[in-house]
Amino acid sequence: MTARIRTVNLDRFAEILPQLSQLLLDAVNTGASLGFWMPMSQADAVLYWREVMQGMIHEKLVLLVAEDGGEVVGTVQLLLADRQNGHHRAEIRKLIVRGTHRGHGLGRALLSAAHVEAAFRGRRLLILDTRTGDAGERLYESMGYTRAGEIPGFTIEPDGARHGTTIFYHVLP
């Protein structure tokens, strides 16, 4: 893996918005559980990333991207808890790796980079959720996350099928 991981500022965000949208489209339209139904439209993908941008503007969200040869091939977000009693925690969101780059440790590298960024910001308690049974569960457990529990029927598909979500947490040293 030769990808470079870095945090994204607003100027860079504007430059890579089309690539972020394509990354999300590809993930959702190949079955990733990211909160959207397939087929996802380009307009919906752009709208989502503009919502992310608002979180960045208000300093509630940190976006990290992995780039390989100038192309965005992965991303992860840190949603910073903003209540007084939550300044020690953050939520890991939307860990996405392009299909062509899966299986080479990029998801692990993105998650590790998110850990570094969280620690830098004083966030020692990390939480996340993932569709129960997805491959992400193995990654999170292998990186020291603790399974807190499962919520059955958390998501619903267009055909009415429901899936559980598993909640994990991790305490950084």
N, C-alpha and C. Protein backbone atom coordinates (compact mmCIF):
# COMPACT_ATOMS: atom_id res chain seq x y z
N MET A 1 0.84 -1.18 0.00
CA MET A 1 0.00 0.00 0.00
C MET A 1 0.89 1.24 0.00
N THR A 2 0.64 2.15 -0.93
CA THR A 2 1.43 3.37 -1.03
C THR A 2 0.59 4.61 -0.74
N ALA A 3 -0.58 4.42 -0.22
CA ALA A 3 -1.48 5.55 0.03
C ALA A 3 -0.94 6.43 1.15
N ARG A 4 -1.18 7.72 0.99
CA ARG A 4 -0.81 8.71 2.00
C ARG A 4 -2.09 9.17 2.69
N ILE A 5 -2.08 9.17 4.02
CA ILE A 5 -3.26 9.55 4.80
C ILE A 5 -3.01 10.91 5.43
N ARG A 6 -4.02 11.77 5.32
CA ARG A 6 -3.90 13.10 5.94
C ARG A 6 -5.28 13.66 6.27
N THR A 7 -5.28 14.63 7.17
CA THR A 7 -6.52 15.33 7.46
C THR A 7 -6.78 16.30 6.31
N VAL A 8 -8.04 16.61 6.12
CA VAL A 8 -8.45 17.45 4.99
C VAL A 8 -8.92 18.80 5.52
N ASN A 9 -8.38 19.88 4.94
CA ASN A 9 -8.90 21.21 5.26
C ASN A 9 -9.98 21.57 4.25
N LEU A 10 -10.63 22.70 4.47
CA LEU A 10 -11.76 23.06 3.61
C LEU A 10 -11.35 23.33 2.16
N ASP A 11 -10.17 23.90 1.95
CA ASP A 11 -9.71 24.13 0.58
C ASP A 11 -9.52 22.81 -0.16
N ARG A 12 -8.87 21.88 0.50
CA ARG A 12 -8.64 20.57 -0.13
C ARG A 12 -9.96 19.83 -0.31
N PHE A 13 -10.88 20.00 0.63
CA PHE A 13 -12.18 19.36 0.53
C PHE A 13 -12.86 19.74 -0.78
N ALA A 14 -12.86 21.02 -1.11
CA ALA A 14 -13.51 21.48 -2.34
C ALA A 14 -12.87 20.81 -3.57
N GLU A 15 -11.56 20.62 -3.53
CA GLU A 15 -10.85 20.00 -4.65
C GLU A 15 -11.22 18.53 -4.83
N ILE A 16 -11.41 17.83 -3.72
CA ILE A 16 -11.62 16.38 -3.81
C ILE A 16 -13.08 15.97 -3.69
N LEU A 17 -13.99 16.94 -3.61
CA LEU A 17 -15.42 16.61 -3.48
C LEU A 17 -15.90 15.61 -4.54
N PRO A 18 -15.55 15.77 -5.81
CA PRO A 18 -16.00 14.77 -6.80
C PRO A 18 -15.47 13.36 -6.51
N GLN A 19 -14.23 13.27 -6.04
CA GLN A 19 -13.66 11.96 -5.73
C GLN A 19 -14.31 11.35 -4.49
N LEU A 20 -14.59 12.18 -3.49
CA LEU A 20 -15.29 11.69 -2.30
C LEU A 20 -16.67 11.15 -2.67
N SER A 21 -17.35 11.90 -3.53
CA SER A 21 -18.68 11.47 -3.97
C SER A 21 -18.62 10.14 -4.70
N GLN A 22 -17.64 9.98 -5.57
CA GLN A 22 -17.50 8.73 -6.31
C GLN A 22 -17.16 7.57 -5.38
N LEU A 23 -16.31 7.83 -4.40
CA LEU A 23 -15.95 6.79 -3.43
C LEU A 23 -17.18 6.31 -2.68
N LEU A 24 -18.01 7.24 -2.23
CA LEU A 24 -19.24 6.88 -1.52
C LEU A 24 -20.20 6.14 -2.44
N LEU A 25 -20.37 6.64 -3.66
CA LEU A 25 -21.25 5.97 -4.63
C LEU A 25 -20.82 4.53 -4.86
N ASP A 26 -19.54 4.33 -5.10
CA ASP A 26 -19.03 2.98 -5.36
C ASP A 26 -19.28 2.06 -4.17
N ALA A 27 -19.05 2.57 -2.96
CA ALA A 27 -19.23 1.75 -1.77
C ALA A 27 -20.70 1.38 -1.57
N VAL A 28 -21.57 2.37 -1.63
CA VAL A 28 -23.00 2.11 -1.42
C VAL A 28 -23.56 1.21 -2.51
N ASN A 29 -23.19 1.48 -3.75
CA ASN A 29 -23.76 0.72 -4.87
C ASN A 29 -23.18 -0.68 -5.02
N THR A 30 -22.20 -1.02 -4.17
CA THR A 30 -21.72 -2.41 -4.12
C THR A 30 -22.10 -3.07 -2.79
N GLY A 31 -23.02 -2.44 -2.06
CA GLY A 31 -23.61 -3.09 -0.89
C GLY A 31 -23.11 -2.68 0.47
N ALA A 32 -22.21 -1.71 0.55
CA ALA A 32 -21.74 -1.27 1.87
C ALA A 32 -22.88 -0.62 2.65
N SER A 33 -22.90 -0.90 3.93
CA SER A 33 -23.94 -0.33 4.80
C SER A 33 -23.42 0.98 5.38
N LEU A 34 -23.74 2.06 4.73
CA LEU A 34 -23.25 3.38 5.13
C LEU A 34 -24.40 4.35 5.38
N GLY A 35 -25.60 3.82 5.52
CA GLY A 35 -26.75 4.67 5.81
C GLY A 35 -27.57 5.04 4.60
N PHE A 36 -27.20 4.51 3.44
CA PHE A 36 -27.89 4.85 2.20
C PHE A 36 -28.33 3.57 1.49
N TRP A 37 -29.39 3.69 0.72
CA TRP A 37 -29.86 2.58 -0.11
C TRP A 37 -29.24 2.67 -1.50
N MET A 38 -29.06 1.52 -2.12
CA MET A 38 -28.64 1.53 -3.51
C MET A 38 -29.86 1.37 -4.40
N PRO A 39 -29.84 1.92 -5.57
CA PRO A 39 -28.74 2.70 -6.13
C PRO A 39 -28.74 4.13 -5.58
N MET A 40 -27.56 4.59 -5.24
CA MET A 40 -27.39 5.95 -4.74
C MET A 40 -27.12 6.86 -5.92
N SER A 41 -27.69 8.05 -5.89
CA SER A 41 -27.47 9.01 -6.98
C SER A 41 -26.27 9.90 -6.68
N GLN A 42 -25.72 10.44 -7.73
CA GLN A 42 -24.62 11.41 -7.61
C GLN A 42 -25.06 12.60 -6.76
N ALA A 43 -26.28 13.06 -6.98
CA ALA A 43 -26.79 14.22 -6.23
C ALA A 43 -26.85 13.92 -4.74
N ASP A 44 -27.29 12.71 -4.37
CA ASP A 44 -27.34 12.34 -2.95
C ASP A 44 -25.94 12.26 -2.35
N ALA A 45 -24.99 11.76 -3.13
CA ALA A 45 -23.62 11.66 -2.64
C ALA A 45 -23.04 13.06 -2.39
N VAL A 46 -23.24 13.96 -3.33
CA VAL A 46 -22.74 15.33 -3.16
C VAL A 46 -23.41 16.00 -1.97
N LEU A 47 -24.71 15.81 -1.82
CA LEU A 47 -25.44 16.39 -0.69
C LEU A 47 -24.87 15.87 0.63
N TYR A 48 -24.60 14.59 0.71
CA TYR A 48 -24.01 14.03 1.93
C TYR A 48 -22.68 14.72 2.24
N TRP A 49 -21.80 14.82 1.25
CA TRP A 49 -20.49 15.40 1.51
C TRP A 49 -20.58 16.89 1.85
N ARG A 50 -21.58 17.56 1.35
CA ARG A 50 -21.78 18.97 1.75
C ARG A 50 -22.20 19.05 3.22
N GLU A 51 -22.95 18.07 3.70
CA GLU A 51 -23.28 18.01 5.12
C GLU A 51 -22.02 17.77 5.95
N VAL A 52 -21.13 16.92 5.45
CA VAL A 52 -19.85 16.69 6.12
C VAL A 52 -19.08 18.00 6.20
N MET A 53 -19.08 18.75 5.09
CA MET A 53 -18.37 20.03 5.06
C MET A 53 -18.89 20.97 6.15
N GLN A 54 -20.20 20.97 6.39
CA GLN A 54 -20.76 21.82 7.44
C GLN A 54 -20.20 21.42 8.81
N GLY A 55 -20.06 20.13 9.04
CA GLY A 55 -19.45 19.67 10.28
C GLY A 55 -18.01 20.13 10.42
N MET A 56 -17.29 20.15 9.29
CA MET A 56 -15.91 20.63 9.30
C MET A 56 -15.87 22.13 9.58
N ILE A 57 -16.75 22.88 8.95
CA ILE A 57 -16.79 24.33 9.16
C ILE A 57 -17.00 24.66 10.63
N HIS A 58 -17.88 23.91 11.28
CA HIS A 58 -18.21 24.16 12.68
C HIS A 58 -17.28 23.41 13.65
N GLU A 59 -16.22 22.82 13.10
CA GLU A 59 -15.19 22.12 13.87
C GLU A 59 -15.77 21.01 14.74
N LYS A 60 -16.79 20.34 14.22
CA LYS A 60 -17.39 19.19 14.90
C LYS A 60 -16.96 17.88 14.26
N LEU A 61 -16.31 17.97 13.11
CA LEU A 61 -15.98 16.77 12.36
C LEU A 61 -14.59 16.92 11.74
N VAL A 62 -13.82 15.85 11.81
CA VAL A 62 -12.49 15.80 11.19
C VAL A 62 -12.55 14.73 10.10
N LEU A 63 -12.14 15.10 8.91
CA LEU A 63 -12.13 14.18 7.78
C LEU A 63 -10.69 13.81 7.45
N LEU A 64 -10.43 12.52 7.37
CA LEU A 64 -9.14 12.01 6.94
C LEU A 64 -9.34 11.28 5.63
N VAL A 65 -8.38 11.43 4.72
CA VAL A 65 -8.45 10.71 3.45
C VAL A 65 -7.14 9.99 3.19
N ALA A 66 -7.24 8.91 2.45
CA ALA A 66 -6.07 8.20 1.94
C ALA A 66 -6.03 8.47 0.45
N GLU A 67 -4.87 8.93 -0.02
CA GLU A 67 -4.70 9.22 -1.44
C GLU A 67 -3.56 8.38 -1.99
N ASP A 68 -3.77 7.86 -3.16
CA ASP A 68 -2.77 7.06 -3.86
C ASP A 68 -2.64 7.64 -5.26
N GLY A 69 -1.48 8.18 -5.56
CA GLY A 69 -1.28 8.79 -6.87
C GLY A 69 -2.21 9.97 -7.11
N GLY A 70 -2.54 10.71 -6.06
CA GLY A 70 -3.41 11.87 -6.19
C GLY A 70 -4.89 11.56 -6.20
N GLU A 71 -5.25 10.28 -6.09
CA GLU A 71 -6.66 9.89 -6.09
C GLU A 71 -7.08 9.45 -4.70
N VAL A 72 -8.28 9.86 -4.29
CA VAL A 72 -8.83 9.46 -3.00
C VAL A 72 -9.24 7.99 -3.09
N VAL A 73 -8.65 7.17 -2.21
CA VAL A 73 -8.94 5.73 -2.22
C VAL A 73 -9.53 5.25 -0.90
N GLY A 74 -9.64 6.16 0.05
CA GLY A 74 -10.22 5.80 1.33
C GLY A 74 -10.47 7.02 2.18
N THR A 75 -11.34 6.85 3.17
CA THR A 75 -11.66 7.96 4.06
C THR A 75 -12.22 7.43 5.37
N VAL A 76 -12.11 8.25 6.39
CA VAL A 76 -12.73 7.99 7.69
C VAL A 76 -12.97 9.35 8.35
N GLN A 77 -13.97 9.39 9.21
CA GLN A 77 -14.32 10.64 9.89
C GLN A 77 -14.29 10.45 11.40
N LEU A 78 -13.98 11.54 12.08
CA LEU A 78 -14.11 11.63 13.53
C LEU A 78 -15.18 12.67 13.82
N LEU A 79 -16.26 12.26 14.42
CA LEU A 79 -17.30 13.19 14.86
C LEU A 79 -17.03 13.49 16.32
N LEU A 80 -16.68 14.74 16.61
CA LEU A 80 -16.27 15.14 17.95
C LEU A 80 -17.49 15.46 18.80
N ALA A 81 -17.62 14.78 19.93
CA ALA A 81 -18.71 15.10 20.85
C ALA A 81 -18.52 16.54 21.32
N ASP A 82 -19.60 17.32 21.30
CA ASP A 82 -19.44 18.74 21.61
C ASP A 82 -20.10 19.18 22.91
N ARG A 83 -20.69 18.27 23.64
CA ARG A 83 -21.26 18.60 24.94
C ARG A 83 -20.15 18.64 26.00
N GLN A 84 -20.36 19.40 27.05
CA GLN A 84 -19.33 19.55 28.08
C GLN A 84 -18.89 18.20 28.66
N ASN A 85 -19.82 17.29 28.81
CA ASN A 85 -19.46 16.01 29.43
C ASN A 85 -18.93 15.00 28.41
N GLY A 86 -18.70 15.45 27.18
CA GLY A 86 -18.25 14.52 26.15
C GLY A 86 -16.98 14.93 25.44
N HIS A 87 -16.26 15.90 25.96
CA HIS A 87 -15.07 16.38 25.27
C HIS A 87 -13.93 15.36 25.24
N HIS A 88 -14.14 14.22 25.85
CA HIS A 88 -13.14 13.16 25.86
C HIS A 88 -13.44 12.07 24.83
N ARG A 89 -14.52 12.24 24.06
CA ARG A 89 -14.90 11.15 23.16
C ARG A 89 -15.18 11.64 21.73
N ALA A 90 -15.15 10.67 20.82
CA ALA A 90 -15.46 10.94 19.41
C ALA A 90 -16.04 9.66 18.82
N GLU A 91 -16.79 9.86 17.75
CA GLU A 91 -17.36 8.72 17.03
C GLU A 91 -16.60 8.53 15.72
N ILE A 92 -16.21 7.30 15.46
CA ILE A 92 -15.62 6.93 14.17
C ILE A 92 -16.76 6.72 13.20
N ARG A 93 -16.69 7.39 12.05
CA ARG A 93 -17.78 7.28 11.06
C ARG A 93 -17.22 7.06 9.66
N LYS A 94 -18.00 6.38 8.86
CA LYS A 94 -17.79 6.24 7.41
C LYS A 94 -16.36 5.85 7.04
N LEU A 95 -15.90 4.73 7.59
CA LEU A 95 -14.64 4.16 7.14
C LEU A 95 -14.91 3.49 5.80
N ILE A 96 -14.36 4.08 4.74
CA ILE A 96 -14.61 3.61 3.37
C ILE A 96 -13.27 3.40 2.67
N VAL A 97 -13.11 2.25 2.04
CA VAL A 97 -11.93 1.97 1.23
C VAL A 97 -12.39 1.54 -0.15
N ARG A 98 -11.81 2.15 -1.18
CA ARG A 98 -12.15 1.78 -2.56
C ARG A 98 -11.90 0.28 -2.76
N GLY A 99 -12.79 -0.35 -3.50
CA GLY A 99 -12.72 -1.79 -3.72
C GLY A 99 -11.36 -2.26 -4.21
N THR A 100 -10.72 -1.49 -5.08
CA THR A 100 -9.42 -1.88 -5.63
C THR A 100 -8.31 -1.83 -4.59
N HIS A 101 -8.55 -1.20 -3.46
CA HIS A 101 -7.52 -1.05 -2.43
C HIS A 101 -7.83 -1.85 -1.16
N ARG A 102 -8.90 -2.63 -1.19
CA ARG A 102 -9.25 -3.44 -0.01
C ARG A 102 -8.32 -4.64 0.10
N GLY A 103 -8.14 -5.08 1.33
CA GLY A 103 -7.32 -6.26 1.57
C GLY A 103 -5.83 -5.99 1.65
N HIS A 104 -5.45 -4.72 1.69
CA HIS A 104 -4.04 -4.35 1.75
C HIS A 104 -3.70 -3.56 3.01
N GLY A 105 -4.61 -3.53 3.97
CA GLY A 105 -4.33 -2.85 5.23
C GLY A 105 -4.71 -1.38 5.27
N LEU A 106 -5.37 -0.89 4.22
CA LEU A 106 -5.70 0.54 4.20
C LEU A 106 -6.76 0.90 5.23
N GLY A 107 -7.75 0.04 5.43
CA GLY A 107 -8.75 0.31 6.46
C GLY A 107 -8.11 0.41 7.83
N ARG A 108 -7.19 -0.50 8.11
CA ARG A 108 -6.46 -0.49 9.37
C ARG A 108 -5.62 0.79 9.50
N ALA A 109 -4.97 1.19 8.41
CA ALA A 109 -4.15 2.40 8.43
C ALA A 109 -5.01 3.65 8.65
N LEU A 110 -6.17 3.71 8.00
CA LEU A 110 -7.08 4.84 8.21
C LEU A 110 -7.56 4.90 9.65
N LEU A 111 -7.93 3.75 10.19
CA LEU A 111 -8.40 3.71 11.57
C LEU A 111 -7.28 4.11 12.54
N SER A 112 -6.06 3.66 12.28
CA SER A 112 -4.92 4.05 13.11
C SER A 112 -4.68 5.55 13.04
N ALA A 113 -4.80 6.12 11.85
CA ALA A 113 -4.63 7.57 11.70
C ALA A 113 -5.73 8.32 12.45
N ALA A 114 -6.94 7.77 12.43
CA ALA A 114 -8.03 8.39 13.19
C ALA A 114 -7.74 8.34 14.68
N HIS A 115 -7.11 7.26 15.14
CA HIS A 115 -6.73 7.16 16.55
C HIS A 115 -5.73 8.25 16.92
N VAL A 116 -4.75 8.45 16.06
CA VAL A 116 -3.73 9.49 16.31
C VAL A 116 -4.39 10.86 16.36
N GLU A 117 -5.26 11.13 15.42
CA GLU A 117 -5.96 12.42 15.37
C GLU A 117 -6.84 12.61 16.60
N ALA A 118 -7.53 11.56 17.01
CA ALA A 118 -8.39 11.64 18.19
C ALA A 118 -7.55 11.95 19.43
N ALA A 119 -6.44 11.25 19.59
CA ALA A 119 -5.57 11.48 20.75
C ALA A 119 -5.03 12.90 20.74
N PHE A 120 -4.64 13.39 19.57
CA PHE A 120 -4.14 14.76 19.44
C PHE A 120 -5.18 15.77 19.92
N ARG A 121 -6.44 15.46 19.71
CA ARG A 121 -7.54 16.34 20.10
C ARG A 121 -8.08 16.03 21.50
N GLY A 122 -7.38 15.16 22.22
CA GLY A 122 -7.78 14.84 23.59
C GLY A 122 -8.97 13.91 23.69
N ARG A 123 -9.28 13.21 22.61
CA ARG A 123 -10.41 12.28 22.58
C ARG A 123 -9.88 10.88 22.80
N ARG A 124 -10.10 10.33 23.97
CA ARG A 124 -9.56 9.02 24.33
C ARG A 124 -10.58 7.89 24.22
N LEU A 125 -11.87 8.23 24.23
CA LEU A 125 -12.91 7.21 24.11
C LEU A 125 -13.52 7.31 22.72
N LEU A 126 -13.40 6.23 21.96
CA LEU A 126 -13.93 6.19 20.60
C LEU A 126 -15.08 5.19 20.54
N ILE A 127 -16.12 5.56 19.82
CA ILE A 127 -17.26 4.66 19.62
C ILE A 127 -17.54 4.55 18.13
N LEU A 128 -18.17 3.47 17.74
CA LEU A 128 -18.59 3.29 16.36
C LEU A 128 -19.64 2.21 16.31
N ASP A 129 -20.34 2.16 15.19
CA ASP A 129 -21.26 1.04 14.96
C ASP A 129 -21.09 0.56 13.53
N THR A 130 -21.41 -0.71 13.33
CA THR A 130 -21.32 -1.32 12.02
C THR A 130 -22.41 -2.37 11.88
N ARG A 131 -22.82 -2.61 10.66
CA ARG A 131 -23.85 -3.63 10.44
C ARG A 131 -23.36 -4.97 10.98
N THR A 132 -24.18 -5.59 11.78
CA THR A 132 -23.83 -6.87 12.40
C THR A 132 -23.50 -7.90 11.32
N GLY A 133 -22.36 -8.54 11.50
CA GLY A 133 -21.92 -9.57 10.56
C GLY A 133 -21.01 -9.07 9.46
N ASP A 134 -20.85 -7.76 9.32
CA ASP A 134 -19.97 -7.22 8.28
C ASP A 134 -18.50 -7.47 8.63
N ALA A 135 -17.66 -7.44 7.61
CA ALA A 135 -16.22 -7.68 7.79
C ALA A 135 -15.59 -6.66 8.73
N GLY A 136 -16.17 -5.48 8.83
CA GLY A 136 -15.63 -4.46 9.72
C GLY A 136 -15.53 -4.92 11.16
N GLU A 137 -16.42 -5.80 11.57
CA GLU A 137 -16.39 -6.29 12.95
C GLU A 137 -15.03 -6.91 13.28
N ARG A 138 -14.50 -7.70 12.36
CA ARG A 138 -13.20 -8.36 12.60
C ARG A 138 -12.08 -7.32 12.69
N LEU A 139 -12.14 -6.31 11.82
CA LEU A 139 -11.12 -5.26 11.86
C LEU A 139 -11.15 -4.55 13.21
N TYR A 140 -12.33 -4.14 13.64
CA TYR A 140 -12.43 -3.38 14.89
C TYR A 140 -11.96 -4.22 16.08
N GLU A 141 -12.36 -5.47 16.13
CA GLU A 141 -11.92 -6.33 17.23
C GLU A 141 -10.41 -6.54 17.20
N SER A 142 -9.84 -6.67 16.00
CA SER A 142 -8.39 -6.88 15.89
C SER A 142 -7.60 -5.64 16.29
N MET A 143 -8.27 -4.49 16.32
CA MET A 143 -7.59 -3.25 16.71
C MET A 143 -7.94 -2.83 18.14
N GLY A 144 -8.47 -3.77 18.90
CA GLY A 144 -8.68 -3.52 20.32
C GLY A 144 -10.03 -2.96 20.71
N TYR A 145 -10.95 -2.88 19.76
CA TYR A 145 -12.29 -2.40 20.09
C TYR A 145 -13.05 -3.48 20.86
N THR A 146 -13.87 -3.03 21.77
CA THR A 146 -14.70 -3.92 22.58
C THR A 146 -16.14 -3.85 22.08
N ARG A 147 -16.72 -5.00 21.89
CA ARG A 147 -18.11 -5.09 21.46
C ARG A 147 -18.99 -4.72 22.65
N ALA A 148 -19.76 -3.65 22.52
CA ALA A 148 -20.63 -3.20 23.61
C ALA A 148 -22.00 -3.86 23.54
N GLY A 149 -22.43 -4.21 22.34
CA GLY A 149 -23.73 -4.84 22.20
C GLY A 149 -24.27 -4.71 20.79
N GLU A 150 -25.44 -5.29 20.60
CA GLU A 150 -26.08 -5.28 19.29
C GLU A 150 -27.50 -4.76 19.43
N ILE A 151 -27.91 -3.97 18.46
CA ILE A 151 -29.28 -3.49 18.38
C ILE A 151 -29.92 -4.19 17.18
N PRO A 152 -30.88 -5.07 17.41
CA PRO A 152 -31.51 -5.78 16.29
C PRO A 152 -32.42 -4.84 15.49
N GLY A 153 -32.52 -5.12 14.20
CA GLY A 153 -33.43 -4.36 13.35
C GLY A 153 -33.13 -2.88 13.25
N PHE A 154 -31.87 -2.50 13.39
CA PHE A 154 -31.48 -1.09 13.42
C PHE A 154 -31.66 -0.40 12.08
N THR A 155 -31.37 -1.13 11.00
CA THR A 155 -31.53 -0.54 9.66
C THR A 155 -32.60 -1.30 8.90
N ILE A 156 -33.16 -0.63 7.92
CA ILE A 156 -34.18 -1.25 7.07
C ILE A 156 -33.77 -1.04 5.61
N GLU A 157 -33.93 -2.08 4.82
CA GLU A 157 -33.60 -2.04 3.40
C GLU A 157 -34.86 -1.74 2.59
N PRO A 158 -34.69 -1.36 1.31
CA PRO A 158 -35.86 -1.07 0.48
C PRO A 158 -36.87 -2.22 0.41
N ASP A 159 -36.37 -3.46 0.53
CA ASP A 159 -37.28 -4.61 0.46
C ASP A 159 -37.91 -4.95 1.81
N GLY A 160 -37.62 -4.13 2.82
CA GLY A 160 -38.18 -4.34 4.15
C GLY A 160 -37.32 -5.17 5.08
N ALA A 161 -36.24 -5.75 4.55
CA ALA A 161 -35.33 -6.53 5.40
C ALA A 161 -34.69 -5.61 6.44
N ARG A 162 -34.53 -6.14 7.62
CA ARG A 162 -33.91 -5.37 8.71
C ARG A 162 -32.59 -6.04 9.11
N HIS A 163 -31.65 -5.19 9.51
CA HIS A 163 -30.34 -5.67 9.94
C HIS A 163 -29.99 -5.04 11.28
N GLY A 164 -29.27 -5.81 12.08
CA GLY A 164 -28.80 -5.29 13.35
C GLY A 164 -27.55 -4.45 13.17
N THR A 165 -27.24 -3.67 14.17
CA THR A 165 -25.98 -2.95 14.20
C THR A 165 -25.26 -3.33 15.48
N THR A 166 -23.95 -3.45 15.39
CA THR A 166 -23.13 -3.77 16.54
C THR A 166 -22.36 -2.52 16.94
N ILE A 167 -22.40 -2.22 18.23
CA ILE A 167 -21.73 -1.03 18.75
C ILE A 167 -20.41 -1.46 19.40
N PHE A 168 -19.36 -0.72 19.08
CA PHE A 168 -18.03 -0.97 19.62
C PHE A 168 -17.52 0.30 20.29
N TYR A 169 -16.59 0.09 21.24
CA TYR A 169 -15.88 1.23 21.81
C TYR A 169 -14.41 0.85 21.99
N HIS A 170 -13.58 1.88 22.07
CA HIS A 170 -12.15 1.67 22.25
C HIS A 170 -11.62 2.82 23.10
N VAL A 171 -10.82 2.48 24.10
CA VAL A 171 -10.20 3.50 24.95
C VAL A 171 -8.74 3.60 24.53
N LEU A 172 -8.35 4.78 24.07
CA LEU A 172 -6.96 5.00 23.67
C LEU A 172 -6.09 5.14 24.91
N PRO A 173 -4.82 4.73 24.81
CA PRO A 173 -3.91 4.86 25.97
C PRO A 173 -3.63 6.33 26.30
